[in-house]
Amino acid sequence: MPDYYVYLKTGKHSGNDGATINTIPLRATSVSVSTSKTIPSMQVPLSGLVTGESETVALDIGMAGKNLSLSGFIIEGPLTRHGSTVTMTAHEIAQLIHSSVDSTGVAKNQAIVELVFLIPSKVDKDYNEVTERNIPFTYHARGDNNEFDNLNVPFRTEFPDSEANDGLKGFIRQFSTTFTADTVEVEFTLEFEIARILP
């Protein structure tokens, strides 16, 4: 079982870094996922005269907004960055994330470009039951090209099969922390928007 189920990755993170290098773990107590579909629609003039019922037509062109809202707390712990592991206080980790949100995507050592939120899974990408394991929450669908949930999808993205797979790419839209005198932990709330970051 992993020590953390939610962590952030910087732009410097590579596939061999795993969950400990160039990542920031978070003790999230709540994760809210929001998906809002965008479909242009138009009411059809005079449609009620023909059928006795007005009608609206919509064009599904595959657009949706995807956001995560997290809350929880940050605790002191080790972070591995720039080739060394250091133990940072919760306050230092909070400052590090604030600095990352304030930076630009060009600053790969600073910018946070991925959020991993592990969920339990008992079904693999081919709809086979497997021993329960953790995988990153994803918007990818099960099946190969033109198969299962990807029917009529010729260039699908691979469904995850382990906690080492990629999480959600995007950016932190808002990060808030509360520093209190009577605790060494730092409470936080975070808004993450899934997006393809350019350049």
Protein backbone atom coordinates (compact mmCIF):
# COMPACT_ATOMS: atom_id res chain seq x y z
CA MET A 1 0.00 0.00 0.00
CA PRO A 2 1.38 3.45 -0.85
CA ASP A 3 2.03 6.00 1.88
CA TYR A 4 0.22 8.63 -0.18
CA TYR A 5 -2.67 8.44 -2.62
CA VAL A 6 -2.33 11.97 -4.03
CA TYR A 7 0.84 13.62 -5.22
CA LEU A 8 2.01 16.32 -7.61
CA LYS A 9 4.71 15.98 -10.28
CA THR A 10 6.94 18.76 -11.54
CA GLY A 11 7.85 19.26 -15.18
CA LYS A 12 11.27 17.72 -14.43
CA HIS A 13 9.71 14.35 -13.50
CA SER A 14 10.62 11.53 -15.88
CA GLY A 15 9.24 8.03 -16.30
CA ASN A 16 12.04 6.49 -14.21
CA ASP A 17 11.51 8.81 -11.23
CA GLY A 18 8.59 6.85 -9.77
CA ALA A 19 6.54 8.34 -6.95
CA THR A 20 9.42 9.73 -4.91
CA ILE A 21 11.62 11.86 -7.20
CA ASN A 22 10.45 15.30 -8.38
CA THR A 23 7.09 14.75 -6.71
CA ILE A 24 5.26 16.38 -3.80
CA PRO A 25 2.99 14.09 -1.74
CA LEU A 26 -0.23 15.44 -0.23
CA ARG A 27 -2.41 14.07 2.57
CA ALA A 28 -5.70 14.73 0.80
CA THR A 29 -8.80 14.08 2.89
CA SER A 30 -11.21 14.97 0.08
CA VAL A 31 -10.95 14.88 -3.71
CA SER A 32 -13.82 16.18 -5.83
CA VAL A 33 -13.83 15.50 -9.58
CA SER A 34 -15.92 17.69 -11.90
CA THR A 35 -16.53 17.03 -15.60
CA SER A 36 -18.62 19.51 -17.58
CA LYS A 37 -19.47 18.76 -21.21
CA THR A 38 -19.63 21.57 -23.72
CA ILE A 39 -22.14 20.95 -26.50
CA PRO A 40 -23.28 23.80 -28.76
CA SER A 41 -27.07 23.63 -29.03
CA MET A 42 -29.77 25.57 -30.84
CA GLN A 43 -33.55 25.56 -30.66
CA VAL A 44 -35.09 24.67 -34.02
CA PRO A 45 -37.41 27.42 -35.30
CA LEU A 46 -40.97 26.33 -36.13
CA SER A 47 -40.33 22.73 -35.04
CA GLY A 48 -43.39 22.87 -32.79
CA LEU A 49 -45.64 23.61 -35.78
CA VAL A 50 -44.73 20.33 -37.46
CA THR A 51 -44.73 17.86 -34.57
CA GLY A 52 -46.54 19.77 -31.85
CA GLU A 53 -43.36 19.69 -29.78
CA SER A 54 -40.44 22.09 -29.94
CA GLU A 55 -37.02 20.63 -30.58
CA THR A 56 -33.40 21.48 -29.81
CA VAL A 57 -30.48 20.21 -31.85
CA ALA A 58 -26.99 19.77 -30.41
CA LEU A 59 -23.59 19.15 -31.90
CA ASP A 60 -21.38 16.82 -29.83
CA ILE A 61 -17.87 17.76 -30.92
CA GLY A 62 -15.99 16.24 -27.99
CA MET A 63 -15.35 19.19 -25.70
CA ALA A 64 -15.39 19.04 -21.90
CA GLY A 65 -13.93 20.90 -18.95
CA LYS A 66 -12.27 18.70 -16.32
CA ASN A 67 -11.34 19.89 -12.84
CA LEU A 68 -10.34 18.47 -9.47
CA SER A 69 -10.79 20.13 -6.09
CA LEU A 70 -8.69 18.81 -3.22
CA SER A 71 -8.50 19.56 0.47
CA GLY A 72 -6.38 18.09 3.22
CA PHE A 73 -3.13 18.80 4.99
CA ILE A 74 0.60 18.88 4.35
CA ILE A 75 3.03 17.27 6.80
CA GLU A 76 6.79 17.31 7.18
CA GLY A 77 8.53 14.77 4.98
CA PRO A 78 11.37 13.92 2.61
CA LEU A 79 11.46 15.34 -0.92
CA THR A 80 13.95 14.23 -3.56
CA ARG A 81 14.96 17.09 -5.85
CA HIS A 82 18.12 18.00 -7.78
CA GLY A 83 19.80 14.70 -6.95
CA SER A 84 19.45 14.80 -3.17
CA THR A 85 16.80 13.99 -0.56
CA VAL A 86 15.98 16.60 2.06
CA THR A 87 13.40 16.68 4.85
CA MET A 88 11.19 19.74 4.54
CA THR A 89 8.72 21.09 7.07
CA ALA A 90 5.06 21.29 6.12
CA HIS A 91 5.47 25.07 5.89
CA GLU A 92 8.39 24.73 3.47
CA ILE A 93 6.45 22.28 1.28
CA ALA A 94 3.49 24.69 1.22
CA GLN A 95 5.83 27.53 0.23
CA LEU A 96 7.32 25.33 -2.49
CA ILE A 97 3.89 24.66 -3.99
CA HIS A 98 2.91 28.34 -3.82
CA SER A 99 6.15 29.18 -5.63
CA SER A 100 5.38 26.52 -8.25
CA VAL A 101 1.91 27.93 -8.91
CA ASP A 102 3.45 31.38 -9.28
CA SER A 103 6.00 30.12 -11.86
CA THR A 104 5.69 29.42 -15.57
CA GLY A 105 5.69 26.07 -17.37
CA VAL A 106 9.10 26.90 -18.84
CA ALA A 107 10.62 26.51 -15.36
CA LYS A 108 10.45 22.69 -15.34
CA ASN A 109 12.03 22.34 -11.89
CA GLN A 110 9.28 24.53 -10.44
CA ALA A 111 6.15 24.08 -12.51
CA ILE A 112 3.67 21.42 -11.40
CA VAL A 113 2.27 19.78 -14.52
CA GLU A 114 0.65 16.57 -13.28
CA LEU A 115 -1.58 15.37 -10.47
CA VAL A 116 -1.78 11.70 -9.48
CA PHE A 117 -4.86 10.53 -7.59
CA LEU A 118 -4.75 6.78 -6.91
CA ILE A 119 -7.98 4.77 -6.88
CA PRO A 120 -8.57 1.05 -6.24
CA SER A 121 -9.21 -1.05 -9.37
CA LYS A 122 -10.23 -4.67 -9.94
CA VAL A 123 -10.73 -4.57 -13.75
CA ASP A 124 -7.92 -4.17 -16.27
CA LYS A 125 -7.94 -2.40 -19.64
CA ASP A 126 -9.44 -5.49 -21.36
CA TYR A 127 -12.28 -5.96 -18.85
CA ASN A 128 -10.57 -8.86 -17.10
CA GLU A 129 -10.97 -9.11 -13.33
CA VAL A 130 -7.61 -8.84 -11.57
CA THR A 131 -6.34 -8.67 -8.01
CA GLU A 132 -7.19 -5.27 -6.58
CA ARG A 133 -4.45 -2.72 -7.08
CA ASN A 134 -4.18 1.05 -7.29
CA ILE A 135 -4.20 2.98 -10.55
CA PRO A 136 -4.22 6.71 -11.25
CA PHE A 137 -7.66 8.23 -11.81
CA THR A 138 -7.96 8.76 -15.56
CA TYR A 139 -10.26 9.87 -18.33
CA HIS A 140 -8.90 7.13 -20.62
CA ALA A 141 -11.29 4.35 -21.63
CA ARG A 142 -10.79 0.57 -21.56
CA GLY A 143 -9.97 -1.32 -24.74
CA ASP A 144 -7.60 -1.12 -27.69
CA ASN A 145 -8.31 0.94 -30.81
CA ASN A 146 -11.91 0.36 -31.95
CA GLU A 147 -12.52 -2.10 -29.13
CA PHE A 148 -14.71 -2.20 -25.99
CA ASP A 149 -15.28 1.37 -24.72
CA ASN A 150 -13.06 2.68 -27.52
CA LEU A 151 -15.31 1.50 -30.33
CA ASN A 152 -15.03 4.09 -33.16
CA VAL A 153 -11.94 5.55 -31.47
CA PRO A 154 -8.96 4.88 -33.80
CA PHE A 155 -6.20 6.50 -31.69
CA ARG A 156 -7.01 5.79 -28.08
CA THR A 157 -4.76 6.53 -25.09
CA GLU A 158 -3.68 3.54 -23.02
CA PHE A 159 -5.73 2.79 -19.89
CA PRO A 160 -3.51 2.58 -16.77
CA ASP A 161 -2.69 -0.77 -15.18
CA SER A 162 -0.44 0.23 -12.25
CA GLU A 163 0.12 3.12 -9.87
CA ALA A 164 3.31 3.96 -11.79
CA ASN A 165 1.33 5.11 -14.85
CA ASP A 166 0.80 8.77 -15.69
CA GLY A 167 -1.76 10.81 -13.81
CA LEU A 168 -3.70 13.85 -14.97
CA LYS A 169 -1.77 16.50 -16.93
CA GLY A 170 -2.67 20.12 -16.38
CA PHE A 171 -2.04 23.00 -14.01
CA ILE A 172 -2.94 24.27 -10.55
CA ARG A 173 -5.43 27.09 -10.93
CA GLN A 174 -5.57 27.92 -7.22
CA PHE A 175 -3.70 26.82 -4.10
CA SER A 176 -4.60 28.07 -0.63
CA THR A 177 -3.05 27.24 2.73
CA THR A 178 -3.81 28.07 6.36
CA PHE A 179 -0.92 28.47 8.78
CA THR A 180 -1.96 28.05 12.42
CA ALA A 181 0.15 28.41 15.56
CA ASP A 182 -1.06 25.28 17.34
CA THR A 183 -0.08 22.64 14.76
CA VAL A 184 2.87 21.61 12.62
CA GLU A 185 0.55 20.57 9.81
CA VAL A 186 -0.63 22.98 7.11
CA GLU A 187 -4.18 22.79 5.83
CA PHE A 188 -4.64 23.29 2.09
CA THR A 189 -7.18 23.50 -0.70
CA LEU A 190 -6.19 23.05 -4.33
CA GLU A 191 -7.96 23.51 -7.67
CA PHE A 192 -6.42 21.56 -10.55
CA GLU A 193 -7.51 21.95 -14.18
CA ILE A 194 -6.76 19.21 -16.70
CA ALA A 195 -5.26 20.69 -19.86
CA ARG A 196 -2.55 20.28 -22.48
CA ILE A 197 0.02 22.89 -21.54
CA LEU A 198 1.66 24.85 -24.36
CA PRO A 199 4.44 25.37 -25.30
